[in-house]
All heavy atoms as atom14 arrays in JSON, in Angstrom:
{
  "sequence": "SYGGTEWLHAYIANPQLQRQLNFHRVILLGVPTDESFGA",
  "atom14_mask": [
    [1, 1, 1, 1, 1, 1, 0, 0, 0, 0, 0, 0, 0, 0],
    [1, 1, 1, 1, 1, 1, 1, 1, 1, 1, 1, 1, 0, 0],
    [1, 1, 1, 1, 0, 0, 0, 0, 0, 0, 0, 0, 0, 0],
    [1, 1, 1, 1, 0, 0, 0, 0, 0, 0, 0, 0, 0, 0],
    [1, 1, 1, 1, 1, 1, 1, 0, 0, 0, 0, 0, 0, 0],
    [1, 1, 1, 1, 1, 1, 1, 1, 1, 0, 0, 0, 0, 0],
    [1, 1, 1, 1, 1, 1, 1, 1, 1, 1, 1, 1, 1, 1],
    [1, 1, 1, 1, 1, 1, 1, 1, 0, 0, 0, 0, 0, 0],
    [1, 1, 1, 1, 1, 1, 1, 1, 1, 1, 0, 0, 0, 0],
    [1, 1, 1, 1, 1, 0, 0, 0, 0, 0, 0, 0, 0, 0],
    [1, 1, 1, 1, 1, 1, 1, 1, 1, 1, 1, 1, 0, 0],
    [1, 1, 1, 1, 1, 1, 1, 1, 0, 0, 0, 0, 0, 0],
    [1, 1, 1, 1, 1, 0, 0, 0, 0, 0, 0, 0, 0, 0],
    [1, 1, 1, 1, 1, 1, 1, 1, 0, 0, 0, 0, 0, 0],
    [1, 1, 1, 1, 1, 1, 1, 0, 0, 0, 0, 0, 0, 0],
    [1, 1, 1, 1, 1, 1, 1, 1, 1, 0, 0, 0, 0, 0],
    [1, 1, 1, 1, 1, 1, 1, 1, 0, 0, 0, 0, 0, 0],
    [1, 1, 1, 1, 1, 1, 1, 1, 1, 0, 0, 0, 0, 0],
    [1, 1, 1, 1, 1, 1, 1, 1, 1, 1, 1, 0, 0, 0],
    [1, 1, 1, 1, 1, 1, 1, 1, 1, 0, 0, 0, 0, 0],
    [1, 1, 1, 1, 1, 1, 1, 1, 0, 0, 0, 0, 0, 0],
    [1, 1, 1, 1, 1, 1, 1, 1, 0, 0, 0, 0, 0, 0],
    [1, 1, 1, 1, 1, 1, 1, 1, 1, 1, 1, 0, 0, 0],
    [1, 1, 1, 1, 1, 1, 1, 1, 1, 1, 0, 0, 0, 0],
    [1, 1, 1, 1, 1, 1, 1, 1, 1, 1, 1, 0, 0, 0],
    [1, 1, 1, 1, 1, 1, 1, 0, 0, 0, 0, 0, 0, 0],
    [1, 1, 1, 1, 1, 1, 1, 1, 0, 0, 0, 0, 0, 0],
    [1, 1, 1, 1, 1, 1, 1, 1, 0, 0, 0, 0, 0, 0],
    [1, 1, 1, 1, 1, 1, 1, 1, 0, 0, 0, 0, 0, 0],
    [1, 1, 1, 1, 0, 0, 0, 0, 0, 0, 0, 0, 0, 0],
    [1, 1, 1, 1, 1, 1, 1, 0, 0, 0, 0, 0, 0, 0],
    [1, 1, 1, 1, 1, 1, 1, 0, 0, 0, 0, 0, 0, 0],
    [1, 1, 1, 1, 1, 1, 1, 0, 0, 0, 0, 0, 0, 0],
    [1, 1, 1, 1, 1, 1, 1, 1, 0, 0, 0, 0, 0, 0],
    [1, 1, 1, 1, 1, 1, 1, 1, 1, 0, 0, 0, 0, 0],
    [1, 1, 1, 1, 1, 1, 0, 0, 0, 0, 0, 0, 0, 0],
    [1, 1, 1, 1, 1, 1, 1, 1, 1, 1, 1, 0, 0, 0],
    [1, 1, 1, 1, 0, 0, 0, 0, 0, 0, 0, 0, 0, 0],
    [1, 1, 1, 1, 1, 0, 0, 0, 0, 0, 0, 0, 0, 0]
  ],
  "atom14_positions": [
    [[228.61, 153.08, 38.8], [229.37, 154.33, 38.72], [228.53, 155.52, 39.18], [227.89, 155.47, 40.23], [229.89, 154.51, 37.28], [230.93, 155.45, 37.23], [0.0, 0.0, 0.0], [0.0, 0.0, 0.0], [0.0, 0.0, 0.0], [0.0, 0.0, 0.0], [0.0, 0.0, 0.0], [0.0, 0.0, 0.0], [0.0, 0.0, 0.0], [0.0, 0.0, 0.0]],
    [[228.5, 156.61, 38.38], [227.75, 157.8, 38.79], [226.25, 157.53, 38.9], [225.54, 158.29, 39.56], [227.99, 158.94, 37.81], [229.19, 159.79, 38.13], [229.85, 160.49, 37.13], [229.66, 159.93, 39.44], [230.96, 161.3, 37.42], [230.76, 160.72, 39.73], [231.4, 161.4, 38.72], [232.49, 162.19, 39.0], [0.0, 0.0, 0.0], [0.0, 0.0, 0.0]],
    [[225.75, 156.47, 38.27], [224.35, 156.12, 38.46], [224.04, 155.86, 39.91], [222.98, 156.24, 40.43], [0.0, 0.0, 0.0], [0.0, 0.0, 0.0], [0.0, 0.0, 0.0], [0.0, 0.0, 0.0], [0.0, 0.0, 0.0], [0.0, 0.0, 0.0], [0.0, 0.0, 0.0], [0.0, 0.0, 0.0], [0.0, 0.0, 0.0], [0.0, 0.0, 0.0]],
    [[224.96, 155.22, 40.61], [224.78, 154.99, 42.04], [224.96, 156.24, 42.86], [224.26, 156.46, 43.85], [0.0, 0.0, 0.0], [0.0, 0.0, 0.0], [0.0, 0.0, 0.0], [0.0, 0.0, 0.0], [0.0, 0.0, 0.0], [0.0, 0.0, 0.0], [0.0, 0.0, 0.0], [0.0, 0.0, 0.0], [0.0, 0.0, 0.0], [0.0, 0.0, 0.0]],
    [[225.92, 157.09, 42.45], [226.12, 158.37, 43.13], [224.84, 159.2, 43.04], [224.41, 159.82, 44.02], [227.29, 159.14, 42.5], [228.43, 158.28, 42.4], [227.65, 160.35, 43.33], [0.0, 0.0, 0.0], [0.0, 0.0, 0.0], [0.0, 0.0, 0.0], [0.0, 0.0, 0.0], [0.0, 0.0, 0.0], [0.0, 0.0, 0.0], [0.0, 0.0, 0.0]],
    [[224.25, 159.2, 41.86], [223.01, 159.94, 41.66], [221.88, 159.4, 42.53], [221.09, 160.16, 43.09], [222.63, 159.9, 40.18], [223.59, 160.69, 39.3], [223.69, 160.18, 37.89], [222.83, 159.35, 37.48], [224.63, 160.57, 37.16], [0.0, 0.0, 0.0], [0.0, 0.0, 0.0], [0.0, 0.0, 0.0], [0.0, 0.0, 0.0], [0.0, 0.0, 0.0]],
    [[221.78, 158.08, 42.64], [220.74, 157.49, 43.49], [220.95, 157.92, 44.95], [219.99, 158.29, 45.63], [220.74, 155.96, 43.41], [219.72, 155.38, 44.33], [218.39, 155.23, 44.1], [219.94, 154.93, 45.68], [217.75, 154.71, 45.21], [218.68, 154.51, 46.19], [221.07, 154.83, 46.49], [218.54, 154.01, 47.48], [220.92, 154.33, 47.76], [219.66, 153.93, 48.26]],
    [[222.18, 157.88, 45.44], [222.45, 158.28, 46.81], [222.0, 159.71, 47.06], [221.32, 160.0, 48.06], [223.95, 158.15, 47.12], [224.49, 156.74, 47.34], [226.02, 156.76, 47.35], [223.97, 156.16, 48.64], [0.0, 0.0, 0.0], [0.0, 0.0, 0.0], [0.0, 0.0, 0.0], [0.0, 0.0, 0.0], [0.0, 0.0, 0.0], [0.0, 0.0, 0.0]],
    [[222.34, 160.61, 46.16], [221.98, 162.02, 46.34], [220.47, 162.23, 46.22], [219.89, 163.0, 46.99], [222.73, 162.89, 45.33], [224.15, 163.16, 45.71], [224.51, 164.21, 46.52], [225.29, 162.5, 45.41], [225.82, 164.2, 46.69], [226.32, 163.17, 46.02], [0.0, 0.0, 0.0], [0.0, 0.0, 0.0], [0.0, 0.0, 0.0], [0.0, 0.0, 0.0]],
    [[219.84, 161.55, 45.27], [218.4, 161.71, 45.1], [217.64, 161.23, 46.32], [216.76, 161.92, 46.84], [217.94, 160.94, 43.85], [0.0, 0.0, 0.0], [0.0, 0.0, 0.0], [0.0, 0.0, 0.0], [0.0, 0.0, 0.0], [0.0, 0.0, 0.0], [0.0, 0.0, 0.0], [0.0, 0.0, 0.0], [0.0, 0.0, 0.0], [0.0, 0.0, 0.0]],
    [[217.99, 160.06, 46.82], [217.21, 159.45, 47.91], [217.5, 160.11, 49.25], [216.58, 160.42, 50.02], [217.51, 157.96, 47.97], [216.53, 157.2, 48.85], [215.17, 157.24, 48.57], [216.97, 156.46, 49.94], [214.26, 156.54, 49.36], [216.07, 155.77, 50.73], [214.72, 155.8, 50.44], [213.82, 155.13, 51.22], [0.0, 0.0, 0.0], [0.0, 0.0, 0.0]],
    [[218.76, 160.32, 49.56], [219.12, 160.86, 50.87], [218.64, 162.3, 51.02], [218.29, 162.74, 52.12], [220.65, 160.75, 51.08], [221.04, 159.27, 51.25], [221.1, 161.55, 52.29], [222.52, 159.02, 51.31], [0.0, 0.0, 0.0], [0.0, 0.0, 0.0], [0.0, 0.0, 0.0], [0.0, 0.0, 0.0], [0.0, 0.0, 0.0], [0.0, 0.0, 0.0]],
    [[218.56, 163.04, 49.92], [218.19, 164.45, 50.0], [216.68, 164.68, 50.0], [216.23, 165.8, 50.29], [218.8, 165.22, 48.83], [0.0, 0.0, 0.0], [0.0, 0.0, 0.0], [0.0, 0.0, 0.0], [0.0, 0.0, 0.0], [0.0, 0.0, 0.0], [0.0, 0.0, 0.0], [0.0, 0.0, 0.0], [0.0, 0.0, 0.0], [0.0, 0.0, 0.0]],
    [[215.88, 163.65, 49.72], [214.47, 163.89, 49.44], [213.56, 163.12, 50.41], [213.32, 161.93, 50.21], [214.16, 163.5, 48.0], [212.84, 164.06, 47.52], [211.8, 163.82, 48.12], [212.88, 164.81, 46.43], [0.0, 0.0, 0.0], [0.0, 0.0, 0.0], [0.0, 0.0, 0.0], [0.0, 0.0, 0.0], [0.0, 0.0, 0.0], [0.0, 0.0, 0.0]],
    [[213.03, 163.77, 51.42], [212.12, 163.1, 52.36], [210.89, 162.52, 51.69], [210.36, 161.49, 52.14], [211.73, 164.22, 53.34], [212.84, 165.21, 53.25], [213.28, 165.18, 51.82], [0.0, 0.0, 0.0], [0.0, 0.0, 0.0], [0.0, 0.0, 0.0], [0.0, 0.0, 0.0], [0.0, 0.0, 0.0], [0.0, 0.0, 0.0], [0.0, 0.0, 0.0]],
    [[210.42, 163.14, 50.61], [209.25, 162.62, 49.9], [209.55, 161.25, 49.29], [208.73, 160.33, 49.37], [208.82, 163.59, 48.8], [207.5, 163.22, 48.13], [207.08, 164.23, 47.08], [207.76, 165.22, 46.85], [205.95, 163.98, 46.45], [0.0, 0.0, 0.0], [0.0, 0.0, 0.0], [0.0, 0.0, 0.0], [0.0, 0.0, 0.0], [0.0, 0.0, 0.0]],
    [[210.73, 161.1, 48.7], [211.13, 159.8, 48.18], [211.21, 158.77, 49.3], [210.79, 157.62, 49.15], [212.48, 159.9, 47.48], [212.5, 160.44, 46.04], [213.92, 160.44, 45.52], [211.6, 159.61, 45.15], [0.0, 0.0, 0.0], [0.0, 0.0, 0.0], [0.0, 0.0, 0.0], [0.0, 0.0, 0.0], [0.0, 0.0, 0.0], [0.0, 0.0, 0.0]],
    [[211.76, 159.16, 50.43], [211.89, 158.23, 51.55], [210.54, 157.79, 52.08], [210.4, 156.66, 52.55], [212.71, 158.9, 52.66], [214.14, 159.21, 52.27], [214.79, 160.23, 53.18], [214.44, 160.34, 54.35], [215.73, 160.99, 52.65], [0.0, 0.0, 0.0], [0.0, 0.0, 0.0], [0.0, 0.0, 0.0], [0.0, 0.0, 0.0], [0.0, 0.0, 0.0]],
    [[209.54, 158.65, 52.0], [208.19, 158.28, 52.45], [207.47, 157.39, 51.44], [206.73, 156.48, 51.82], [207.35, 159.54, 52.7], [207.75, 160.34, 53.92], [206.7, 161.39, 54.26], [206.49, 162.32, 53.16], [207.14, 163.47, 53.03], [208.06, 163.82, 53.94], [206.88, 164.28, 52.02], [0.0, 0.0, 0.0], [0.0, 0.0, 0.0], [0.0, 0.0, 0.0]],
    [[207.69, 157.64, 50.16], [206.88, 156.99, 49.13], [207.52, 155.72, 48.56], [206.82, 154.9, 47.97], [206.59, 157.97, 47.99], [205.73, 159.15, 48.42], [205.26, 159.97, 47.25], [205.29, 159.54, 46.09], [204.81, 161.18, 47.53], [0.0, 0.0, 0.0], [0.0, 0.0, 0.0], [0.0, 0.0, 0.0], [0.0, 0.0, 0.0], [0.0, 0.0, 0.0]],
    [[208.84, 155.58, 48.7], [209.53, 154.45, 48.1], [210.39, 153.72, 49.12], [211.09, 154.35, 49.91], [210.42, 154.92, 46.95], [209.68, 155.35, 45.66], [210.62, 156.12, 44.77], [209.14, 154.14, 44.92], [0.0, 0.0, 0.0], [0.0, 0.0, 0.0], [0.0, 0.0, 0.0], [0.0, 0.0, 0.0], [0.0, 0.0, 0.0], [0.0, 0.0, 0.0]],
    [[210.32, 152.41, 49.08], [211.17, 151.56, 49.92], [212.16, 150.85, 49.02], [211.78, 150.16, 48.07], [210.33, 150.52, 50.67], [209.31, 151.16, 51.59], [209.64, 152.06, 52.34], [208.07, 150.7, 51.51], [0.0, 0.0, 0.0], [0.0, 0.0, 0.0], [0.0, 0.0, 0.0], [0.0, 0.0, 0.0], [0.0, 0.0, 0.0], [0.0, 0.0, 0.0]],
    [[213.44, 151.04, 49.31], [214.5, 150.37, 48.56], [215.05, 149.24, 49.42], [215.8, 149.49, 50.36], [215.59, 151.36, 48.18], [215.14, 152.4, 47.2], [214.64, 153.62, 47.62], [215.19, 152.14, 45.84], [214.22, 154.57, 46.73], [214.77, 153.09, 44.92], [214.28, 154.31, 45.37], [0.0, 0.0, 0.0], [0.0, 0.0, 0.0], [0.0, 0.0, 0.0]],
    [[214.68, 148.01, 49.1], [215.02, 146.89, 49.98], [216.44, 146.39, 49.77], [217.14, 146.06, 50.73], [214.01, 145.77, 49.77], [212.6, 146.19, 50.09], [212.17, 146.38, 51.38], [211.55, 146.48, 49.29], [210.9, 146.76, 51.36], [210.5, 146.83, 50.11], [0.0, 0.0, 0.0], [0.0, 0.0, 0.0], [0.0, 0.0, 0.0], [0.0, 0.0, 0.0]],
    [[216.84, 146.28, 48.51], [218.2, 145.84, 48.19], [218.79, 146.77, 47.14], [218.24, 146.91, 46.05], [218.2, 144.4, 47.69], [218.0, 143.39, 48.82], [217.82, 141.98, 48.29], [217.82, 141.02, 49.37], [216.8, 140.81, 50.2], [215.69, 141.5, 50.06], [216.88, 139.91, 51.17], [0.0, 0.0, 0.0], [0.0, 0.0, 0.0], [0.0, 0.0, 0.0]],
    [[219.9, 147.38, 47.5], [220.57, 148.31, 46.6], [221.99, 147.79, 46.35], [222.75, 147.59, 47.31], [220.62, 149.73, 47.19], [221.4, 150.67, 46.27], [219.21, 150.26, 47.43], [0.0, 0.0, 0.0], [0.0, 0.0, 0.0], [0.0, 0.0, 0.0], [0.0, 0.0, 0.0], [0.0, 0.0, 0.0], [0.0, 0.0, 0.0], [0.0, 0.0, 0.0]],
    [[222.31, 147.55, 45.09], [223.63, 147.05, 44.72], [224.35, 148.16, 43.96], [223.93, 148.56, 42.88], [223.54, 145.78, 43.85], [222.76, 144.69, 44.59], [224.94, 145.29, 43.49], [222.51, 143.45, 43.74], [0.0, 0.0, 0.0], [0.0, 0.0, 0.0], [0.0, 0.0, 0.0], [0.0, 0.0, 0.0], [0.0, 0.0, 0.0], [0.0, 0.0, 0.0]],
    [[225.42, 148.66, 44.54], [226.21, 149.74, 43.94], [227.5, 149.15, 43.39], [228.24, 148.47, 44.12], [226.5, 150.82, 44.98], [225.27, 151.45, 45.65], [225.7, 152.47, 46.7], [224.34, 152.09, 44.62], [0.0, 0.0, 0.0], [0.0, 0.0, 0.0], [0.0, 0.0, 0.0], [0.0, 0.0, 0.0], [0.0, 0.0, 0.0], [0.0, 0.0, 0.0]],
    [[227.78, 149.42, 42.13], [228.93, 148.83, 41.44], [229.92, 149.93, 41.05], [229.64, 150.73, 40.15], [228.47, 148.08, 40.19], [227.39, 147.01, 40.39], [226.84, 146.54, 39.05], [227.94, 145.83, 41.18], [0.0, 0.0, 0.0], [0.0, 0.0, 0.0], [0.0, 0.0, 0.0], [0.0, 0.0, 0.0], [0.0, 0.0, 0.0], [0.0, 0.0, 0.0]],
    [[231.04, 150.0, 41.74], [232.05, 151.0, 41.41], [231.54, 152.41, 41.54], [231.78, 153.25, 40.68], [0.0, 0.0, 0.0], [0.0, 0.0, 0.0], [0.0, 0.0, 0.0], [0.0, 0.0, 0.0], [0.0, 0.0, 0.0], [0.0, 0.0, 0.0], [0.0, 0.0, 0.0], [0.0, 0.0, 0.0], [0.0, 0.0, 0.0], [0.0, 0.0, 0.0]],
    [[230.85, 152.68, 42.64], [230.18, 153.97, 42.82], [231.03, 154.9, 43.68], [231.28, 154.61, 44.86], [228.79, 153.77, 43.47], [228.2, 155.11, 43.9], [227.87, 153.05, 42.49], [0.0, 0.0, 0.0], [0.0, 0.0, 0.0], [0.0, 0.0, 0.0], [0.0, 0.0, 0.0], [0.0, 0.0, 0.0], [0.0, 0.0, 0.0], [0.0, 0.0, 0.0]],
    [[231.47, 156.04, 43.15], [232.2, 157.01, 43.98], [231.24, 157.76, 44.89], [230.23, 158.28, 44.44], [232.84, 157.94, 42.95], [231.96, 157.84, 41.74], [231.39, 156.45, 41.74], [0.0, 0.0, 0.0], [0.0, 0.0, 0.0], [0.0, 0.0, 0.0], [0.0, 0.0, 0.0], [0.0, 0.0, 0.0], [0.0, 0.0, 0.0], [0.0, 0.0, 0.0]],
    [[231.57, 157.8, 46.18], [230.76, 158.53, 47.15], [231.43, 159.83, 47.56], [230.78, 160.84, 47.76], [230.51, 157.65, 48.4], [229.92, 156.42, 47.99], [229.58, 158.34, 49.38], [0.0, 0.0, 0.0], [0.0, 0.0, 0.0], [0.0, 0.0, 0.0], [0.0, 0.0, 0.0], [0.0, 0.0, 0.0], [0.0, 0.0, 0.0], [0.0, 0.0, 0.0]],
    [[232.75, 159.77, 47.71], [233.53, 160.95, 48.09], [234.74, 161.01, 47.17], [235.59, 160.12, 47.19], [233.96, 160.86, 49.55], [234.71, 162.09, 50.03], [235.3, 162.8, 49.21], [234.72, 162.34, 51.24], [0.0, 0.0, 0.0], [0.0, 0.0, 0.0], [0.0, 0.0, 0.0], [0.0, 0.0, 0.0], [0.0, 0.0, 0.0], [0.0, 0.0, 0.0]],
    [[234.84, 162.07, 46.37], [235.91, 162.17, 45.39], [237.1, 163.0, 45.86], [237.88, 163.5, 45.06], [235.34, 162.71, 44.08], [234.3, 161.79, 43.48], [233.81, 162.23, 42.12], [234.49, 161.93, 41.11], [232.75, 162.89, 42.06], [0.0, 0.0, 0.0], [0.0, 0.0, 0.0], [0.0, 0.0, 0.0], [0.0, 0.0, 0.0], [0.0, 0.0, 0.0]],
    [[237.24, 163.1, 47.18], [238.37, 163.86, 47.73], [239.69, 163.14, 47.57], [240.75, 163.78, 47.52], [238.15, 164.12, 49.23], [236.99, 164.87, 49.46], [0.0, 0.0, 0.0], [0.0, 0.0, 0.0], [0.0, 0.0, 0.0], [0.0, 0.0, 0.0], [0.0, 0.0, 0.0], [0.0, 0.0, 0.0], [0.0, 0.0, 0.0], [0.0, 0.0, 0.0]],
    [[239.66, 161.82, 47.52], [240.87, 161.04, 47.7], [241.19, 160.19, 46.47], [240.3, 159.81, 45.71], [240.73, 160.14, 48.93], [240.23, 160.89, 50.14], [238.92, 160.72, 50.59], [241.05, 161.78, 50.81], [238.44, 161.41, 51.69], [240.59, 162.49, 51.92], [239.28, 162.31, 52.35], [0.0, 0.0, 0.0], [0.0, 0.0, 0.0], [0.0, 0.0, 0.0]],
    [[242.48, 159.87, 46.34], [242.95, 159.08, 45.21], [243.29, 157.65, 45.59], [243.12, 157.23, 46.73], [0.0, 0.0, 0.0], [0.0, 0.0, 0.0], [0.0, 0.0, 0.0], [0.0, 0.0, 0.0], [0.0, 0.0, 0.0], [0.0, 0.0, 0.0], [0.0, 0.0, 0.0], [0.0, 0.0, 0.0], [0.0, 0.0, 0.0], [0.0, 0.0, 0.0]],
    [[243.81, 156.92, 44.62], [244.06, 155.5, 44.79], [245.09, 155.18, 45.87], [245.1, 154.09, 46.43], [244.51, 154.89, 43.46], [0.0, 0.0, 0.0], [0.0, 0.0, 0.0], [0.0, 0.0, 0.0], [0.0, 0.0, 0.0], [0.0, 0.0, 0.0], [0.0, 0.0, 0.0], [0.0, 0.0, 0.0], [0.0, 0.0, 0.0], [0.0, 0.0, 0.0]]
  ]
}
């Protein structure tokens, strides 16, 4: 859920994280990325 949304925002926004951490496999479960649209 929002835990995955938070990871996306933290990692994509931060060049320092991208330099220092490698995320090899990321499993997102029911993660909203864009909340513009409904079912």
